[in-house]
Protein backbone atom coordinates (compact mmCIF):
# COMPACT_ATOMS: atom_id res chain seq x y z
CA GLU A 1 0.00 0.00 0.00
CA VAL A 2 1.32 3.39 -0.98
CA THR A 3 0.00 6.14 1.28
CA GLY A 4 -1.03 9.44 -0.23
CA VAL A 5 -1.32 8.14 -3.80
CA GLN A 6 -4.63 9.22 -5.35
CA THR A 7 -3.95 8.79 -9.08
CA CYS A 8 -2.71 6.00 -11.31
CA ALA A 9 -0.86 6.90 -14.51
CA LEU A 10 -0.28 4.34 -17.27
CA PRO A 11 2.07 5.15 -20.13
CA ILE A 12 1.15 2.87 -23.03
CA SER A 13 2.61 2.53 -26.51
CA HIS A 14 0.53 3.76 -29.46
CA THR A 15 0.63 0.26 -30.93
CA VAL A 16 -1.20 -1.40 -28.02
CA PRO A 17 -4.95 -1.77 -28.74
CA GLU A 18 -7.24 -0.15 -26.19
CA ASN A 19 -9.06 -2.64 -23.97
CA ALA A 20 -12.16 -2.32 -21.77
CA LEU A 21 -10.12 -1.42 -18.69
CA LEU A 22 -8.56 1.59 -20.41
CA GLY A 23 -12.08 2.89 -21.10
CA LYS A 24 -12.28 3.80 -17.41
CA PHE A 25 -9.13 5.91 -17.69
CA THR A 26 -8.87 9.48 -18.96
CA LEU A 27 -6.53 10.03 -21.87
CA ALA A 28 -4.13 12.85 -21.02
CA PRO A 29 -3.98 15.46 -23.80
CA LYS A 30 -0.76 15.66 -25.80
CA THR A 31 1.33 18.79 -25.70
CA MET A 32 2.98 20.27 -28.77
CA ASN A 33 6.57 20.03 -27.49
CA ASN A 34 6.24 16.52 -26.09
CA THR A 35 8.78 13.98 -27.36
CA PHE A 36 7.31 11.16 -25.24
CA SER A 37 6.28 8.40 -27.67
CA HIS A 38 3.59 6.82 -25.48
CA VAL A 39 0.06 7.90 -24.60
CA LEU A 40 -0.73 8.57 -20.96
CA TYR A 41 -3.86 7.25 -19.26
CA LEU A 42 -4.93 8.61 -15.85
CA ILE A 43 -7.45 7.49 -13.26
CA HIS A 44 -8.25 8.83 -9.80
CA ARG A 45 -8.91 6.23 -7.12
CA ASP A 46 -12.33 7.73 -6.33
CA TYR A 47 -13.48 6.99 -9.89
CA LEU A 48 -13.36 3.29 -9.00
CA LEU A 49 -16.61 4.00 -7.12
CA GLU A 50 -18.37 5.19 -10.31
CA GLN A 51 -20.62 2.12 -10.38
CA ASP A 52 -22.04 3.34 -7.06
CA ILE A 53 -23.34 6.67 -8.45
CA GLN A 54 -26.94 7.34 -7.44
CA VAL A 55 -28.93 10.26 -8.83
CA ASN A 56 -31.82 11.60 -6.75
CA ARG A 57 -33.83 14.78 -6.31
CA THR A 58 -31.83 17.38 -4.41
CA THR A 59 -32.68 17.70 -0.72
CA THR A 60 -31.76 20.32 1.85
CA ASP A 61 -29.00 17.97 3.08
CA ASP A 62 -27.24 18.41 -0.30
CA TYR A 63 -26.89 22.21 -0.16
CA ASP A 64 -23.52 22.32 1.60
CA MET A 65 -21.93 19.78 -0.75
CA ILE A 66 -23.40 21.52 -3.83
CA SER A 67 -21.99 24.77 -2.48
CA ASP A 68 -18.56 23.14 -2.18
CA LEU A 69 -18.81 21.93 -5.79
CA LEU A 70 -19.84 25.38 -7.01
CA PHE A 71 -17.15 27.31 -5.14
CA SER A 72 -14.39 24.86 -6.13
CA ASN A 73 -15.22 25.20 -9.83
CA PRO A 74 -12.53 27.39 -11.46
CA THR A 75 -14.90 28.55 -14.24
CA VAL A 76 -17.38 30.11 -11.82
CA THR A 77 -17.27 33.90 -11.69
CA ASN A 78 -17.80 36.38 -8.84
CA ASP A 79 -21.28 36.04 -7.32
CA SER A 80 -22.62 33.30 -9.58
CA PRO A 81 -22.13 30.51 -6.96
CA GLU A 82 -24.49 32.29 -4.55
CA ILE A 83 -27.06 32.87 -7.28
CA THR A 84 -26.83 29.28 -8.49
CA LEU A 85 -27.06 27.86 -4.97
CA GLY A 86 -30.16 30.01 -4.45
CA MET A 87 -31.68 28.47 -7.58
CA PHE A 88 -30.95 24.96 -6.27
CA LYS A 89 -32.56 25.85 -2.94
CA GLN A 90 -35.62 27.26 -4.68
CA ALA A 91 -35.89 24.14 -6.87
CA THR A 92 -36.69 21.99 -3.84
CA SER A 93 -40.00 23.83 -3.31
CA ALA A 94 -43.12 22.55 -5.08
CA ASP A 95 -43.95 25.85 -6.83
CA SER A 96 -40.50 26.26 -8.38
CA PRO A 97 -40.14 26.34 -12.20
CA TRP A 98 -37.09 24.08 -11.85
CA LEU A 99 -36.16 20.57 -10.76
CA ALA A 100 -32.85 19.90 -9.01
CA PHE A 101 -30.98 16.59 -8.95
CA SER A 102 -27.86 15.49 -7.13
CA ALA A 103 -25.54 12.62 -8.00
CA ARG A 104 -23.98 10.94 -4.99
CA VAL A 105 -21.22 8.47 -4.41
CA GLU A 106 -21.37 7.14 -0.88
CA ASP A 107 -21.97 10.26 1.25
CA SER A 108 -20.62 12.85 -1.19
CA VAL A 109 -22.39 14.87 -3.88
CA VAL A 110 -20.29 14.56 -7.05
CA ALA A 111 -22.65 16.37 -9.44
CA ALA A 112 -25.70 18.64 -9.40
CA PHE A 113 -28.16 19.38 -12.20
CA LEU A 114 -30.86 22.03 -12.48
CA ILE A 115 -33.46 21.61 -15.23
CA SER A 116 -36.66 23.44 -16.12
CA LYS A 117 -40.04 21.81 -15.58
CA ASP A 118 -41.27 23.10 -18.93
CA VAL A 119 -39.94 24.84 -22.04
CA ASN A 120 -41.41 27.12 -24.67
CA LEU A 121 -41.46 24.39 -27.30
CA ASP A 122 -42.89 26.67 -29.98
CA TYR A 123 -39.83 28.92 -29.59
CA TYR A 124 -37.44 25.98 -30.08
CA VAL A 125 -39.36 24.75 -33.11
CA SER A 126 -39.50 28.17 -34.76
CA HIS A 127 -35.94 29.30 -33.97
CA PHE A 128 -33.90 26.10 -33.95
CA HIS A 129 -35.91 23.70 -36.13
CA VAL A 130 -35.68 20.92 -33.55
CA GLN A 131 -38.19 18.95 -35.61
CA ASP A 132 -35.31 18.29 -38.04
CA GLN A 133 -33.38 16.54 -35.26
CA ILE A 134 -36.05 14.61 -33.35
CA LEU A 135 -39.42 13.03 -34.12
CA MET A 136 -41.73 15.50 -32.40
CA GLY A 137 -44.69 13.10 -32.55
CA GLU A 138 -42.77 10.56 -30.44
CA HIS A 139 -42.29 12.96 -27.51
CA ASP A 140 -45.03 14.24 -25.24
CA ARG A 141 -45.20 18.05 -25.01
CA LYS A 142 -44.41 17.84 -21.29
CA GLY A 143 -41.42 15.59 -22.03
CA HIS A 144 -39.21 18.54 -23.04
CA SER A 145 -36.92 20.29 -20.60
CA ARG A 146 -33.94 22.64 -20.58
CA LEU A 147 -30.68 22.20 -18.70
CA ILE A 148 -30.26 25.37 -16.66
CA TYR A 149 -27.08 24.50 -14.79
CA SER A 150 -24.84 21.55 -14.08
CA VAL A 151 -21.66 21.10 -12.11
CA ILE A 152 -19.70 17.85 -12.05
CA ASN A 153 -16.65 16.80 -10.10
CA PRO A 154 -13.99 16.34 -12.82
CA ILE A 155 -13.13 12.89 -11.48
CA PHE A 156 -16.61 11.70 -12.48
CA GLU A 157 -16.82 13.55 -15.79
CA LYS A 158 -16.73 10.29 -17.77
CA SER A 159 -20.04 9.32 -16.09
CA THR A 160 -21.90 12.41 -17.33
CA GLN A 161 -23.96 10.47 -19.87
CA PHE A 162 -25.18 8.03 -17.21
CA MET A 163 -26.05 10.86 -14.82
CA MET A 164 -27.96 12.79 -17.51
CA LYS A 165 -29.94 9.66 -18.42
CA GLU A 166 -30.89 9.27 -14.77
CA VAL A 167 -31.98 12.93 -14.56
CA LEU A 168 -34.23 12.41 -17.60
CA ARG A 169 -35.63 9.17 -16.19
CA LEU A 170 -36.35 10.63 -12.75
CA SER A 171 -37.93 13.78 -14.17
CA GLY A 172 -40.05 11.92 -16.71
CA LYS A 173 -38.51 13.92 -19.58
CA THR A 174 -37.41 12.60 -22.96
CA CYS A 175 -35.76 15.66 -24.54
CA LEU A 176 -33.25 17.98 -22.94
CA TYR A 177 -32.12 21.27 -24.46
CA PHE A 178 -29.11 23.36 -23.52
CA GLU A 179 -28.83 26.99 -24.57
CA ILE A 180 -25.41 28.52 -25.07
CA LYS A 181 -25.21 32.23 -24.28
CA GLU A 182 -22.59 34.28 -26.05
């Protein structure tokens, strides 16, 4: 046992075919000046718990851990963590226009998602022609939602697809939109 080691790094030759185990690892990006001939795979020991991820509706017990996720995110600016945390708190009330979900591993929140209960579907159809991408007749009008905010611990980033599927399942939604603001 090596104390204090949190990450495993595997340098592997380009000629070795990728196996199922390497799918759990993150491929380190190459740098321009690198003369190292191998690829580098990384995994954090906490990611070994990824099969234990459980997504549930956010409760008041999750606020402190969501706050920690928000304030530790380097892309968050100035007062946006307080505003976002306020939105998560409001989403736990029944009259809120949003639904909040938390992904947990053991006793820790590793991701949080905030989605709308409803969207202006006519706006999406007229402005973005979503009918060209999905079969509108196959989705109930109430099955559409919009991702308002999400924050994920980078260690569990590879599990984003699973967590988003769980959010859709738990919310009873079939389509999820994300707007990018310039």
